PDB file of all heavy atoms in Angstrom:
ATOM      1  N   ASP A   1    -114.639  26.012  66.432  1.00  0.00           N
ATOM      2  CA  ASP A   1    -114.816  25.206  65.180  1.00  0.00           C
ATOM      3  C   ASP A   1    -113.454  25.161  64.461  1.00  0.00           C
ATOM      4  O   ASP A   1    -112.487  25.831  64.849  1.00  0.00           O
ATOM      5  CB  ASP A   1    -115.902  25.776  64.314  1.00  0.00           C
ATOM      6  CG  ASP A   1    -115.627  27.140  63.778  1.00  0.00           C
ATOM      7  OD1 ASP A   1    -114.454  27.411  63.366  1.00  0.00           O
ATOM      8  OD2 ASP A   1    -116.547  27.943  63.709  1.00  0.00           O
ATOM      9  N   ALA A   2    -113.343  24.318  63.440  1.00  0.00           N
ATOM     10  CA  ALA A   2    -112.078  24.056  62.782  1.00  0.00           C
ATOM     11  C   ALA A   2    -111.428  25.332  62.252  1.00  0.00           C
ATOM     12  O   ALA A   2    -110.203  25.510  62.381  1.00  0.00           O
ATOM     13  CB  ALA A   2    -112.281  23.025  61.669  1.00  0.00           C
ATOM     14  N   GLY A   3    -112.179  26.172  61.576  1.00  0.00           N
ATOM     15  CA  GLY A   3    -111.628  27.420  61.051  1.00  0.00           C
ATOM     16  C   GLY A   3    -111.130  28.365  62.167  1.00  0.00           C
ATOM     17  O   GLY A   3    -110.028  28.925  62.050  1.00  0.00           O
ATOM     18  N   GLU A   4    -111.911  28.515  63.207  1.00  0.00           N
ATOM     19  CA  GLU A   4    -111.489  29.399  64.327  1.00  0.00           C
ATOM     20  C   GLU A   4    -110.288  28.768  65.023  1.00  0.00           C
ATOM     21  O   GLU A   4    -109.459  29.462  65.542  1.00  0.00           O
ATOM     22  CB  GLU A   4    -112.675  29.625  65.282  1.00  0.00           C
ATOM     23  CG  GLU A   4    -113.692  30.572  64.799  1.00  0.00           C
ATOM     24  CD  GLU A   4    -114.813  30.765  65.781  1.00  0.00           C
ATOM     25  OE1 GLU A   4    -115.134  29.815  66.475  1.00  0.00           O
ATOM     26  OE2 GLU A   4    -115.329  31.881  65.804  1.00  0.00           O
ATOM     27  N   SER A   5    -110.249  27.429  65.164  1.00  0.00           N
ATOM     28  CA  SER A   5    -109.157  26.753  65.789  1.00  0.00           C
ATOM     29  C   SER A   5    -107.821  27.027  65.082  1.00  0.00           C
ATOM     30  O   SER A   5    -106.808  27.352  65.684  1.00  0.00           O
ATOM     31  CB  SER A   5    -109.407  25.282  65.903  1.00  0.00           C
ATOM     32  OG  SER A   5    -108.420  24.651  66.567  1.00  0.00           O
ATOM     33  N   GLN A   6    -107.860  26.993  63.750  1.00  0.00           N
ATOM     34  CA  GLN A   6    -106.699  27.313  62.933  1.00  0.00           C
ATOM     35  C   GLN A   6    -106.293  28.793  63.151  1.00  0.00           C
ATOM     36  O   GLN A   6    -105.145  29.109  63.264  1.00  0.00           O
ATOM     37  CB  GLN A   6    -106.929  27.004  61.470  1.00  0.00           C
ATOM     38  CG  GLN A   6    -105.729  27.239  60.600  1.00  0.00           C
ATOM     39  CD  GLN A   6    -104.517  26.471  60.996  1.00  0.00           C
ATOM     40  OE1 GLN A   6    -104.593  25.317  61.374  1.00  0.00           O
ATOM     41  NE2 GLN A   6    -103.330  27.053  60.936  1.00  0.00           N
ATOM     42  N   ARG A   7    -107.286  29.725  63.092  1.00  0.00           N
ATOM     43  CA  ARG A   7    -107.024  31.111  63.350  1.00  0.00           C
ATOM     44  C   ARG A   7    -106.448  31.379  64.745  1.00  0.00           C
ATOM     45  O   ARG A   7    -105.624  32.257  64.953  1.00  0.00           O
ATOM     46  CB  ARG A   7    -108.267  31.929  63.112  1.00  0.00           C
ATOM     47  CG  ARG A   7    -108.572  32.068  61.591  1.00  0.00           C
ATOM     48  CD  ARG A   7    -109.788  32.896  61.222  1.00  0.00           C
ATOM     49  NE  ARG A   7    -110.113  33.953  62.185  1.00  0.00           N
ATOM     50  CZ  ARG A   7    -111.328  34.169  62.732  1.00  0.00           C
ATOM     51  NH1 ARG A   7    -112.329  33.368  62.504  1.00  0.00           N
ATOM     52  NH2 ARG A   7    -111.462  35.168  63.513  1.00  0.00           N
ATOM     53  N   PHE A   8    -106.919  30.568  65.734  1.00  0.00           N
ATOM     54  CA  PHE A   8    -106.441  30.632  67.084  1.00  0.00           C
ATOM     55  C   PHE A   8    -104.944  30.370  67.092  1.00  0.00           C
ATOM     56  O   PHE A   8    -104.167  31.132  67.723  1.00  0.00           O
ATOM     57  CB  PHE A   8    -107.197  29.655  67.974  1.00  0.00           C
ATOM     58  CG  PHE A   8    -106.586  29.385  69.327  1.00  0.00           C
ATOM     59  CD1 PHE A   8    -106.905  30.271  70.375  1.00  0.00           C
ATOM     60  CD2 PHE A   8    -105.689  28.366  69.528  1.00  0.00           C
ATOM     61  CE1 PHE A   8    -106.336  30.035  71.657  1.00  0.00           C
ATOM     62  CE2 PHE A   8    -105.134  28.138  70.794  1.00  0.00           C
ATOM     63  CZ  PHE A   8    -105.482  28.989  71.808  1.00  0.00           C
ATOM     64  N   LEU A   9    -104.513  29.305  66.486  1.00  0.00           N
ATOM     65  CA  LEU A   9    -103.075  28.947  66.411  1.00  0.00           C
ATOM     66  C   LEU A   9    -102.279  30.022  65.735  1.00  0.00           C
ATOM     67  O   LEU A   9    -101.143  30.389  66.121  1.00  0.00           O
ATOM     68  CB  LEU A   9    -102.856  27.574  65.820  1.00  0.00           C
ATOM     69  CG  LEU A   9    -103.372  26.399  66.633  1.00  0.00           C
ATOM     70  CD1 LEU A   9    -103.290  25.142  65.790  1.00  0.00           C
ATOM     71  CD2 LEU A   9    -102.624  26.316  67.957  1.00  0.00           C
ATOM     72  N   GLU A  10    -102.789  30.568  64.624  1.00  0.00           N
ATOM     73  CA  GLU A  10    -102.121  31.585  63.880  1.00  0.00           C
ATOM     74  C   GLU A  10    -101.963  32.900  64.750  1.00  0.00           C
ATOM     75  O   GLU A  10    -100.877  33.490  64.774  1.00  0.00           O
ATOM     76  CB  GLU A  10    -102.846  31.891  62.558  1.00  0.00           C
ATOM     77  CG  GLU A  10    -102.812  30.823  61.520  1.00  0.00           C
ATOM     78  CD  GLU A  10    -103.751  30.972  60.397  1.00  0.00           C
ATOM     79  OE1 GLU A  10    -104.494  31.952  60.393  1.00  0.00           O
ATOM     80  OE2 GLU A  10    -103.755  30.086  59.533  1.00  0.00           O
ATOM     81  N   SER A  11    -102.964  33.206  65.405  1.00  0.00           N
ATOM     82  CA  SER A  11    -103.011  34.393  66.303  1.00  0.00           C
ATOM     83  C   SER A  11    -102.036  34.185  67.453  1.00  0.00           C
ATOM     84  O   SER A  11    -101.302  35.103  67.823  1.00  0.00           O
ATOM     85  CB  SER A  11    -104.405  34.720  66.851  1.00  0.00           C
ATOM     86  OG  SER A  11    -105.211  35.078  65.776  1.00  0.00           O
ATOM     87  N   TYR A  12    -102.069  32.995  68.045  1.00  0.00           N
ATOM     88  CA  TYR A  12    -101.113  32.672  69.085  1.00  0.00           C
ATOM     89  C   TYR A  12     -99.647  32.875  68.651  1.00  0.00           C
ATOM     90  O   TYR A  12     -98.852  33.534  69.301  1.00  0.00           O
ATOM     91  CB  TYR A  12    -101.359  31.246  69.604  1.00  0.00           C
ATOM     92  CG  TYR A  12    -100.319  30.774  70.635  1.00  0.00           C
ATOM     93  CD1 TYR A  12    -100.427  31.215  71.934  1.00  0.00           C
ATOM     94  CD2 TYR A  12     -99.214  30.101  70.241  1.00  0.00           C
ATOM     95  CE1 TYR A  12     -99.452  30.831  72.898  1.00  0.00           C
ATOM     96  CE2 TYR A  12     -98.293  29.696  71.141  1.00  0.00           C
ATOM     97  CZ  TYR A  12     -98.387  30.079  72.441  1.00  0.00           C
ATOM     98  OH  TYR A  12     -97.423  29.732  73.372  1.00  0.00           O
ATOM     99  N   GLU A  13     -99.359  32.297  67.493  1.00  0.00           N
ATOM    100  CA  GLU A  13     -97.993  32.434  66.965  1.00  0.00           C
ATOM    101  C   GLU A  13     -97.562  33.855  66.735  1.00  0.00           C
ATOM    102  O   GLU A  13     -96.439  34.287  66.980  1.00  0.00           O
ATOM    103  CB  GLU A  13     -97.828  31.601  65.720  1.00  0.00           C
ATOM    104  CG  GLU A  13     -97.833  30.139  65.916  1.00  0.00           C
ATOM    105  CD  GLU A  13     -96.664  29.640  66.743  1.00  0.00           C
ATOM    106  OE1 GLU A  13     -95.541  30.215  66.665  1.00  0.00           O
ATOM    107  OE2 GLU A  13     -96.814  28.671  67.515  1.00  0.00           O
ATOM    108  N   ARG A  14     -98.513  34.645  66.238  1.00  0.00           N
ATOM    109  CA  ARG A  14     -98.238  36.072  65.937  1.00  0.00           C
ATOM    110  C   ARG A  14     -98.102  36.912  67.196  1.00  0.00           C
ATOM    111  O   ARG A  14     -97.273  37.816  67.307  1.00  0.00           O
ATOM    112  CB  ARG A  14     -99.324  36.608  65.013  1.00  0.00           C
ATOM    113  CG  ARG A  14     -99.101  37.961  64.486  1.00  0.00           C
ATOM    114  CD  ARG A  14    -100.116  38.465  63.493  1.00  0.00           C
ATOM    115  NE  ARG A  14    -101.438  38.631  64.147  1.00  0.00           N
ATOM    116  CZ  ARG A  14    -102.494  37.851  64.016  1.00  0.00           C
ATOM    117  NH1 ARG A  14    -102.429  36.730  63.193  1.00  0.00           N
ATOM    118  NH2 ARG A  14    -103.647  38.026  64.610  1.00  0.00           N
ATOM    119  N   LEU A  15     -98.869  36.613  68.257  1.00  0.00           N
ATOM    120  CA  LEU A  15     -98.949  37.429  69.414  1.00  0.00           C
ATOM    121  C   LEU A  15     -97.972  37.050  70.513  1.00  0.00           C
ATOM    122  O   LEU A  15     -97.700  37.846  71.385  1.00  0.00           O
ATOM    123  CB  LEU A  15    -100.367  37.435  69.990  1.00  0.00           C
ATOM    124  CG  LEU A  15    -101.453  38.138  69.144  1.00  0.00           C
ATOM    125  CD1 LEU A  15    -102.818  37.844  69.754  1.00  0.00           C
ATOM    126  CD2 LEU A  15    -101.200  39.602  69.033  1.00  0.00           C
ATOM    127  N   ARG A  16     -97.512  35.828  70.490  1.00  0.00           N
ATOM    128  CA  ARG A  16     -96.733  35.361  71.623  1.00  0.00           C
ATOM    129  C   ARG A  16     -95.345  36.066  71.667  1.00  0.00           C
ATOM    130  O   ARG A  16     -94.653  36.124  70.659  1.00  0.00           O
ATOM    131  CB  ARG A  16     -96.548  33.872  71.658  1.00  0.00           C
ATOM    132  CG  ARG A  16     -95.641  33.321  70.684  1.00  0.00           C
ATOM    133  CD  ARG A  16     -95.604  31.780  70.704  1.00  0.00           C
ATOM    134  NE  ARG A  16     -94.890  31.269  69.570  1.00  0.00           N
ATOM    135  CZ  ARG A  16     -93.627  30.849  69.661  1.00  0.00           C
ATOM    136  NH1 ARG A  16     -92.997  30.928  70.752  1.00  0.00           N
ATOM    137  NH2 ARG A  16     -93.040  30.425  68.567  1.00  0.00           N
ATOM    138  N   PRO A  17     -94.957  36.516  72.824  1.00  0.00           N
ATOM    139  CA  PRO A  17     -93.628  37.095  73.032  1.00  0.00           C
ATOM    140  C   PRO A  17     -92.574  36.015  73.171  1.00  0.00           C
ATOM    141  O   PRO A  17     -92.856  34.827  73.069  1.00  0.00           O
ATOM    142  CB  PRO A  17     -93.801  37.947  74.244  1.00  0.00           C
ATOM    143  CG  PRO A  17     -94.824  37.208  75.064  1.00  0.00           C
ATOM    144  CD  PRO A  17     -95.736  36.608  73.965  1.00  0.00           C
ATOM    145  N   THR A  18     -91.379  36.388  73.517  1.00  0.00           N
ATOM    146  CA  THR A  18     -90.296  35.465  73.648  1.00  0.00           C
ATOM    147  C   THR A  18     -90.573  34.330  74.602  1.00  0.00           C
ATOM    148  O   THR A  18     -90.240  33.183  74.372  1.00  0.00           O
ATOM    149  CB  THR A  18     -89.023  36.244  74.103  1.00  0.00           C
ATOM    150  OG1 THR A  18     -88.746  37.287  73.170  1.00  0.00           O
ATOM    151  CG2 THR A  18     -87.786  35.310  74.092  1.00  0.00           C
ATOM    152  N   LEU A  19     -91.150  34.684  75.708  1.00  0.00           N
ATOM    153  CA  LEU A  19     -91.460  33.631  76.733  1.00  0.00           C
ATOM    154  C   LEU A  19     -92.643  32.767  76.354  1.00  0.00           C
ATOM    155  O   LEU A  19     -92.875  31.756  76.911  1.00  0.00           O
ATOM    156  CB  LEU A  19     -91.728  34.320  78.074  1.00  0.00           C
ATOM    157  CG  LEU A  19     -90.564  34.985  78.675  1.00  0.00           C
ATOM    158  CD1 LEU A  19     -90.979  35.655  80.012  1.00  0.00           C
ATOM    159  CD2 LEU A  19     -89.407  34.037  78.960  1.00  0.00           C
ATOM    160  N   GLY A  20     -93.429  33.186  75.370  1.00  0.00           N
ATOM    161  CA  GLY A  20     -94.465  32.367  74.851  1.00  0.00           C
ATOM    162  C   GLY A  20     -95.818  32.453  75.510  1.00  0.00           C
ATOM    163  O   GLY A  20     -96.771  31.812  75.079  1.00  0.00           O
ATOM    164  N   TYR A  21     -95.984  33.239  76.570  1.00  0.00           N
ATOM    165  CA  TYR A  21     -97.256  33.347  77.262  1.00  0.00           C
ATOM    166  C   TYR A  21     -98.130  34.492  76.620  1.00  0.00           C
ATOM    167  O   TYR A  21     -97.629  35.518  76.303  1.00  0.00           O
ATOM    168  CB  TYR A  21     -97.080  33.692  78.698  1.00  0.00           C
ATOM    169  CG  TYR A  21     -96.576  32.520  79.523  1.00  0.00           C
ATOM    170  CD1 TYR A  21     -95.196  32.324  79.719  1.00  0.00           C
ATOM    171  CD2 TYR A  21     -97.424  31.546  79.995  1.00  0.00           C
ATOM    172  CE1 TYR A  21     -94.724  31.249  80.430  1.00  0.00           C
ATOM    173  CE2 TYR A  21     -96.977  30.467  80.722  1.00  0.00           C
ATOM    174  CZ  TYR A  21     -95.608  30.326  80.921  1.00  0.00           C
ATOM    175  OH  TYR A  21     -95.145  29.257  81.622  1.00  0.00           O
ATOM    176  N   VAL A  22     -99.403  34.175  76.368  1.00  0.00           N
ATOM    177  CA  VAL A  22    -100.333  35.070  75.726  1.00  0.00           C
ATOM    178  C   VAL A  22    -101.583  35.177  76.590  1.00  0.00           C
ATOM    179  O   VAL A  22    -101.991  34.167  77.269  1.00  0.00           O
ATOM    180  CB  VAL A  22    -100.712  34.532  74.345  1.00  0.00           C
ATOM    181  CG1 VAL A  22    -101.733  35.429  73.640  1.00  0.00           C
ATOM    182  CG2 VAL A  22     -99.469  34.395  73.463  1.00  0.00           C
ATOM    183  N   SER A  23    -102.193  36.304  76.615  1.00  0.00           N
ATOM    184  CA  SER A  23    -103.461  36.463  77.384  1.00  0.00           C
ATOM    185  C   SER A  23    -104.664  36.012  76.604  1.00  0.00           C
ATOM    186  O   SER A  23    -104.680  36.093  75.373  1.00  0.00           O
ATOM    187  CB  SER A  23    -103.612  37.939  77.815  1.00  0.00           C
ATOM    188  OG  SER A  23    -104.071  38.726  76.804  1.00  0.00           O
ATOM    189  N   TYR A  24    -105.671  35.557  77.312  1.00  0.00           N
ATOM    190  CA  TYR A  24    -106.936  35.205  76.682  1.00  0.00           C
ATOM    191  C   TYR A  24    -107.507  36.394  75.989  1.00  0.00           C
ATOM    192  O   TYR A  24    -108.065  36.248  74.865  1.00  0.00           O
ATOM    193  CB  TYR A  24    -107.960  34.697  77.775  1.00  0.00           C
ATOM    194  CG  TYR A  24    -107.482  33.488  78.480  1.00  0.00           C
ATOM    195  CD1 TYR A  24    -107.076  33.585  79.830  1.00  0.00           C
ATOM    196  CD2 TYR A  24    -107.490  32.222  77.940  1.00  0.00           C
ATOM    197  CE1 TYR A  24    -106.689  32.448  80.553  1.00  0.00           C
ATOM    198  CE2 TYR A  24    -107.059  31.109  78.639  1.00  0.00           C
ATOM    199  CZ  TYR A  24    -106.667  31.199  79.930  1.00  0.00           C
ATOM    200  OH  TYR A  24    -106.290  30.120  80.620  1.00  0.00           O
ATOM    201  N   THR A  25    -107.398  37.550  76.520  1.00  0.00           N
ATOM    202  CA  THR A  25    -107.973  38.785  76.024  1.00  0.00           C
ATOM    203  C   THR A  25    -107.352  39.137  74.675  1.00  0.00           C
ATOM    204  O   THR A  25    -108.059  39.486  73.728  1.00  0.00           O
ATOM    205  CB  THR A  25    -107.852  39.940  77.000  1.00  0.00           C
ATOM    206  OG1 THR A  25    -108.373  39.536  78.249  1.00  0.00           O
ATOM    207  CG2 THR A  25    -108.580  41.160  76.496  1.00  0.00           C
ATOM    208  N   ASP A  26    -106.024  39.050  74.579  1.00  0.00           N
ATOM    209  CA  ASP A  26    -105.389  39.394  73.275  1.00  0.00           C
ATOM    210  C   ASP A  26    -105.800  38.528  72.140  1.00  0.00           C
ATOM    211  O   ASP A  26    -106.082  38.940  71.050  1.00  0.00           O
ATOM    212  CB  ASP A  26    -103.830  39.336  73.454  1.00  0.00           C
ATOM    213  CG  ASP A  26    -103.284  40.451  74.343  1.00  0.00           C
ATOM    214  OD1 ASP A  26    -104.018  41.454  74.604  1.00  0.00           O
ATOM    215  OD2 ASP A  26    -102.139  40.348  74.770  1.00  0.00           O
ATOM    216  N   ILE A  27    -105.864  37.196  72.437  1.00  0.00           N
ATOM    217  CA  ILE A  27    -106.342  36.250  71.421  1.00  0.00           C
ATOM    218  C   ILE A  27    -107.787  36.501  71.044  1.00  0.00           C
ATOM    219  O   ILE A  27    -108.162  36.474  69.858  1.00  0.00           O
ATOM    220  CB  ILE A  27    -106.148  34.792  71.868  1.00  0.00           C
ATOM    221  CG1 ILE A  27    -104.670  34.505  72.103  1.00  0.00           C
ATOM    222  CG2 ILE A  27    -106.769  33.810  70.873  1.00  0.00           C
ATOM    223  CD1 ILE A  27    -103.875  34.299  70.870  1.00  0.00           C
ATOM    224  N   SER A  28    -108.607  36.787  72.027  1.00  0.00           N
ATOM    225  CA  SER A  28    -110.043  37.013  71.776  1.00  0.00           C
ATOM    226  C   SER A  28    -110.255  38.227  70.904  1.00  0.00           C
ATOM    227  O   SER A  28    -111.095  38.195  70.037  1.00  0.00           O
ATOM    228  CB  SER A  28    -110.888  37.094  73.064  1.00  0.00           C
ATOM    229  OG  SER A  28    -110.609  38.264  73.745  1.00  0.00           O
TER     230      SER A  28
END
């Protein structure tokens, strides 16, 4: 949903390392 989608992007930005790859588990 829209709220979770925004939180998804915020979490992605916070968790991604230099190369930018993030695991599904970390975001979940």
